[in-house]
Amino acid sequence: MLYDKKQAKLSQQRIPEKRLFLVAALGGALGSFIGMQVARHKTKHWNFLIFIPFLFVLNLVIIYPMAIFGINYWITYVIHFLIA
């Protein structure tokens, strides 16, 4: 977010919004949200205001447990959750 804000101010090539969302979806939602607040960048875009917090919750539920416990444990947990 900070880099994109700098590029915007300099009228240089920007980071596509799809890429910003991809980074957030792959585990960087918290950093994206913090970057939005610190740089005051994309804070008036409704899609960022809605989807970045949503992706953070998704990161908490899916990606972070896989990183902490391993993907095999996570898959086993999900299967047991779905069966029960």
N, C-alpha and C. Protein backbone atom coordinates (compact mmCIF):
# COMPACT_ATOMS: atom_id res chain seq x y z
N MET A 1 0.83 -1.19 0.00
CA MET A 1 0.00 0.00 0.00
C MET A 1 0.87 1.26 0.00
N LEU A 2 1.93 1.22 0.77
CA LEU A 2 2.81 2.39 0.82
C LEU A 2 3.46 2.64 -0.54
N TYR A 3 3.91 1.57 -1.19
CA TYR A 3 4.54 1.70 -2.50
C TYR A 3 3.54 2.21 -3.53
N ASP A 4 2.33 1.67 -3.52
CA ASP A 4 1.31 2.10 -4.47
C ASP A 4 0.94 3.56 -4.24
N LYS A 5 0.87 3.98 -3.00
CA LYS A 5 0.58 5.38 -2.68
C LYS A 5 1.69 6.29 -3.22
N LYS A 6 2.94 5.85 -3.04
CA LYS A 6 4.07 6.64 -3.55
C LYS A 6 4.01 6.75 -5.07
N GLN A 7 3.71 5.63 -5.72
CA GLN A 7 3.60 5.63 -7.18
C GLN A 7 2.46 6.53 -7.65
N ALA A 8 1.37 6.55 -6.90
CA ALA A 8 0.23 7.40 -7.27
C ALA A 8 0.62 8.88 -7.18
N LYS A 9 1.33 9.23 -6.13
CA LYS A 9 1.74 10.63 -5.98
C LYS A 9 2.70 11.07 -7.07
N LEU A 10 3.54 10.12 -7.54
CA LEU A 10 4.52 10.44 -8.57
C LEU A 10 3.97 10.24 -9.99
N SER A 11 2.72 9.83 -10.10
CA SER A 11 2.08 9.52 -11.39
C SER A 11 2.87 8.46 -12.15
N GLN A 12 3.35 7.48 -11.41
CA GLN A 12 4.10 6.36 -11.99
C GLN A 12 3.18 5.15 -12.12
N GLN A 13 3.76 4.04 -12.63
CA GLN A 13 2.99 2.82 -12.80
C GLN A 13 2.53 2.29 -11.45
N ARG A 14 1.25 1.96 -11.36
CA ARG A 14 0.63 1.53 -10.11
C ARG A 14 0.57 0.02 -10.01
N ILE A 15 0.29 -0.47 -8.82
CA ILE A 15 0.03 -1.88 -8.59
C ILE A 15 -1.44 -2.12 -8.88
N PRO A 16 -1.77 -3.10 -9.74
CA PRO A 16 -3.18 -3.36 -10.03
C PRO A 16 -3.94 -3.78 -8.76
N GLU A 17 -5.20 -3.37 -8.68
CA GLU A 17 -6.00 -3.71 -7.51
C GLU A 17 -6.14 -5.21 -7.34
N LYS A 18 -6.21 -5.94 -8.46
CA LYS A 18 -6.29 -7.40 -8.38
C LYS A 18 -5.09 -7.97 -7.64
N ARG A 19 -3.93 -7.40 -7.87
CA ARG A 19 -2.72 -7.90 -7.21
C ARG A 19 -2.74 -7.56 -5.72
N LEU A 20 -3.24 -6.39 -5.37
CA LEU A 20 -3.36 -6.03 -3.96
C LEU A 20 -4.29 -7.00 -3.23
N PHE A 21 -5.41 -7.34 -3.88
CA PHE A 21 -6.34 -8.31 -3.29
C PHE A 21 -5.72 -9.70 -3.22
N LEU A 22 -4.94 -10.09 -4.23
CA LEU A 22 -4.30 -11.40 -4.23
C LEU A 22 -3.33 -11.53 -3.06
N VAL A 23 -2.54 -10.51 -2.84
CA VAL A 23 -1.60 -10.52 -1.71
C VAL A 23 -2.36 -10.64 -0.39
N ALA A 24 -3.46 -9.92 -0.27
CA ALA A 24 -4.29 -10.00 0.95
C ALA A 24 -4.89 -11.38 1.11
N ALA A 25 -5.34 -11.97 0.01
CA ALA A 25 -5.97 -13.29 0.08
C ALA A 25 -4.97 -14.39 0.43
N LEU A 26 -3.72 -14.20 0.05
CA LEU A 26 -2.70 -15.22 0.31
C LEU A 26 -2.03 -15.06 1.67
N GLY A 27 -2.66 -14.31 2.56
CA GLY A 27 -2.14 -14.21 3.92
C GLY A 27 -1.72 -12.81 4.34
N GLY A 28 -1.83 -11.84 3.45
CA GLY A 28 -1.37 -10.50 3.77
C GLY A 28 -2.48 -9.51 4.07
N ALA A 29 -3.64 -9.99 4.48
CA ALA A 29 -4.77 -9.08 4.71
C ALA A 29 -4.52 -8.14 5.88
N LEU A 30 -3.91 -8.64 6.94
CA LEU A 30 -3.62 -7.78 8.09
C LEU A 30 -2.64 -6.68 7.69
N GLY A 31 -1.59 -7.04 6.97
CA GLY A 31 -0.63 -6.05 6.50
C GLY A 31 -1.25 -5.06 5.53
N SER A 32 -2.15 -5.55 4.69
CA SER A 32 -2.84 -4.66 3.76
C SER A 32 -3.70 -3.66 4.51
N PHE A 33 -4.40 -4.15 5.52
CA PHE A 33 -5.26 -3.26 6.30
C PHE A 33 -4.43 -2.22 7.05
N ILE A 34 -3.35 -2.64 7.66
CA ILE A 34 -2.48 -1.71 8.37
C ILE A 34 -1.89 -0.70 7.39
N GLY A 35 -1.46 -1.19 6.21
CA GLY A 35 -0.92 -0.29 5.19
C GLY A 35 -1.94 0.72 4.71
N MET A 36 -3.20 0.28 4.60
CA MET A 36 -4.26 1.21 4.20
C MET A 36 -4.39 2.33 5.22
N GLN A 37 -4.34 1.98 6.50
CA GLN A 37 -4.53 2.98 7.55
C GLN A 37 -3.33 3.91 7.67
N VAL A 38 -2.13 3.34 7.62
CA VAL A 38 -0.91 4.15 7.79
C VAL A 38 -0.74 5.11 6.61
N ALA A 39 -0.91 4.59 5.38
CA ALA A 39 -0.70 5.42 4.20
C ALA A 39 -1.95 6.20 3.81
N ARG A 40 -3.07 5.90 4.47
CA ARG A 40 -4.37 6.49 4.12
C ARG A 40 -4.59 6.31 2.61
N HIS A 41 -4.44 5.06 2.19
CA HIS A 41 -4.53 4.71 0.78
C HIS A 41 -5.63 3.69 0.59
N LYS A 42 -6.51 3.92 -0.36
CA LYS A 42 -7.64 3.05 -0.69
C LYS A 42 -8.67 3.00 0.43
N THR A 43 -8.67 3.95 1.33
CA THR A 43 -9.60 3.93 2.45
C THR A 43 -10.99 4.46 2.09
N LYS A 44 -11.13 5.01 0.89
CA LYS A 44 -12.45 5.48 0.46
C LYS A 44 -13.06 4.56 -0.59
N HIS A 45 -12.36 3.49 -0.92
CA HIS A 45 -12.87 2.53 -1.90
C HIS A 45 -13.66 1.46 -1.16
N TRP A 46 -14.96 1.37 -1.46
CA TRP A 46 -15.83 0.46 -0.72
C TRP A 46 -15.37 -0.99 -0.84
N ASN A 47 -14.83 -1.37 -2.02
CA ASN A 47 -14.42 -2.77 -2.16
C ASN A 47 -13.24 -3.11 -1.25
N PHE A 48 -12.36 -2.17 -1.00
CA PHE A 48 -11.26 -2.42 -0.07
C PHE A 48 -11.76 -2.40 1.37
N LEU A 49 -12.69 -1.52 1.67
CA LEU A 49 -13.22 -1.43 3.03
C LEU A 49 -14.01 -2.68 3.42
N ILE A 50 -14.62 -3.35 2.45
CA ILE A 50 -15.39 -4.55 2.72
C ILE A 50 -14.53 -5.80 2.63
N PHE A 51 -13.77 -5.94 1.56
CA PHE A 51 -13.11 -7.21 1.28
C PHE A 51 -11.80 -7.42 2.03
N ILE A 52 -11.06 -6.39 2.35
CA ILE A 52 -9.81 -6.59 3.11
C ILE A 52 -10.11 -7.14 4.50
N PRO A 53 -11.06 -6.58 5.28
CA PRO A 53 -11.40 -7.22 6.55
C PRO A 53 -11.96 -8.64 6.38
N PHE A 54 -12.77 -8.86 5.32
CA PHE A 54 -13.28 -10.20 5.04
C PHE A 54 -12.13 -11.17 4.78
N LEU A 55 -11.15 -10.74 3.98
CA LEU A 55 -10.00 -11.59 3.70
C LEU A 55 -9.16 -11.83 4.95
N PHE A 56 -9.12 -10.88 5.85
CA PHE A 56 -8.41 -11.09 7.11
C PHE A 56 -9.06 -12.20 7.92
N VAL A 57 -10.38 -12.19 7.99
CA VAL A 57 -11.10 -13.26 8.70
C VAL A 57 -10.84 -14.59 8.01
N LEU A 58 -10.86 -14.58 6.69
CA LEU A 58 -10.58 -15.80 5.93
C LEU A 58 -9.16 -16.28 6.21
N ASN A 59 -8.21 -15.36 6.28
CA ASN A 59 -6.83 -15.72 6.65
C ASN A 59 -6.78 -16.37 8.02
N LEU A 60 -7.51 -15.81 8.98
CA LEU A 60 -7.53 -16.36 10.33
C LEU A 60 -8.09 -17.78 10.36
N VAL A 61 -9.10 -18.02 9.56
CA VAL A 61 -9.79 -19.30 9.60
C VAL A 61 -9.05 -20.37 8.78
N ILE A 62 -8.46 -19.99 7.66
CA ILE A 62 -7.90 -20.99 6.75
C ILE A 62 -6.37 -21.00 6.71
N ILE A 63 -5.78 -19.88 6.37
CA ILE A 63 -4.35 -19.88 6.06
C ILE A 63 -3.47 -19.95 7.30
N TYR A 64 -3.75 -19.16 8.32
CA TYR A 64 -2.88 -19.16 9.49
C TYR A 64 -2.86 -20.49 10.22
N PRO A 65 -4.00 -21.18 10.41
CA PRO A 65 -3.92 -22.52 11.03
C PRO A 65 -3.11 -23.50 10.19
N MET A 66 -3.20 -23.41 8.86
CA MET A 66 -2.39 -24.30 8.02
C MET A 66 -0.91 -24.01 8.23
N ALA A 67 -0.56 -22.76 8.39
CA ALA A 67 0.84 -22.40 8.59
C ALA A 67 1.34 -22.85 9.96
N ILE A 68 0.48 -22.77 10.97
CA ILE A 68 0.90 -23.11 12.33
C ILE A 68 0.93 -24.63 12.55
N PHE A 69 -0.16 -25.31 12.17
CA PHE A 69 -0.30 -26.73 12.47
C PHE A 69 0.09 -27.65 11.32
N GLY A 70 0.23 -27.12 10.14
CA GLY A 70 0.52 -27.93 8.97
C GLY A 70 -0.77 -28.24 8.22
N ILE A 71 -0.62 -28.43 6.94
CA ILE A 71 -1.80 -28.62 6.10
C ILE A 71 -2.48 -29.96 6.39
N ASN A 72 -1.73 -31.01 6.72
CA ASN A 72 -2.33 -32.32 6.99
C ASN A 72 -3.23 -32.25 8.21
N TYR A 73 -2.77 -31.62 9.28
CA TYR A 73 -3.58 -31.48 10.48
C TYR A 73 -4.83 -30.66 10.19
N TRP A 74 -4.68 -29.60 9.41
CA TRP A 74 -5.80 -28.73 9.09
C TRP A 74 -6.86 -29.48 8.29
N ILE A 75 -6.44 -30.25 7.29
CA ILE A 75 -7.38 -31.02 6.47
C ILE A 75 -8.12 -32.03 7.33
N THR A 76 -7.41 -32.71 8.22
CA THR A 76 -8.03 -33.68 9.13
C THR A 76 -9.05 -32.99 10.02
N TYR A 77 -8.73 -31.83 10.54
CA TYR A 77 -9.64 -31.08 11.39
C TYR A 77 -10.90 -30.69 10.62
N VAL A 78 -10.74 -30.22 9.40
CA VAL A 78 -11.88 -29.81 8.59
C VAL A 78 -12.78 -31.00 8.27
N ILE A 79 -12.18 -32.13 7.96
CA ILE A 79 -12.98 -33.35 7.67
C ILE A 79 -13.76 -33.77 8.89
N HIS A 80 -13.12 -33.77 10.07
CA HIS A 80 -13.84 -34.12 11.31
C HIS A 80 -14.96 -33.11 11.61
N PHE A 81 -14.70 -31.85 11.34
CA PHE A 81 -15.71 -30.82 11.56
C PHE A 81 -16.91 -31.03 10.65
N LEU A 82 -16.66 -31.37 9.39
CA LEU A 82 -17.73 -31.56 8.43
C LEU A 82 -18.53 -32.84 8.70
N ILE A 83 -17.89 -33.86 9.21
CA ILE A 83 -18.57 -35.14 9.49
C ILE A 83 -19.41 -35.03 10.75
N ALA A 84 -18.92 -34.35 11.77
CA ALA A 84 -19.62 -34.28 13.06
C ALA A 84 -20.86 -33.46 13.01
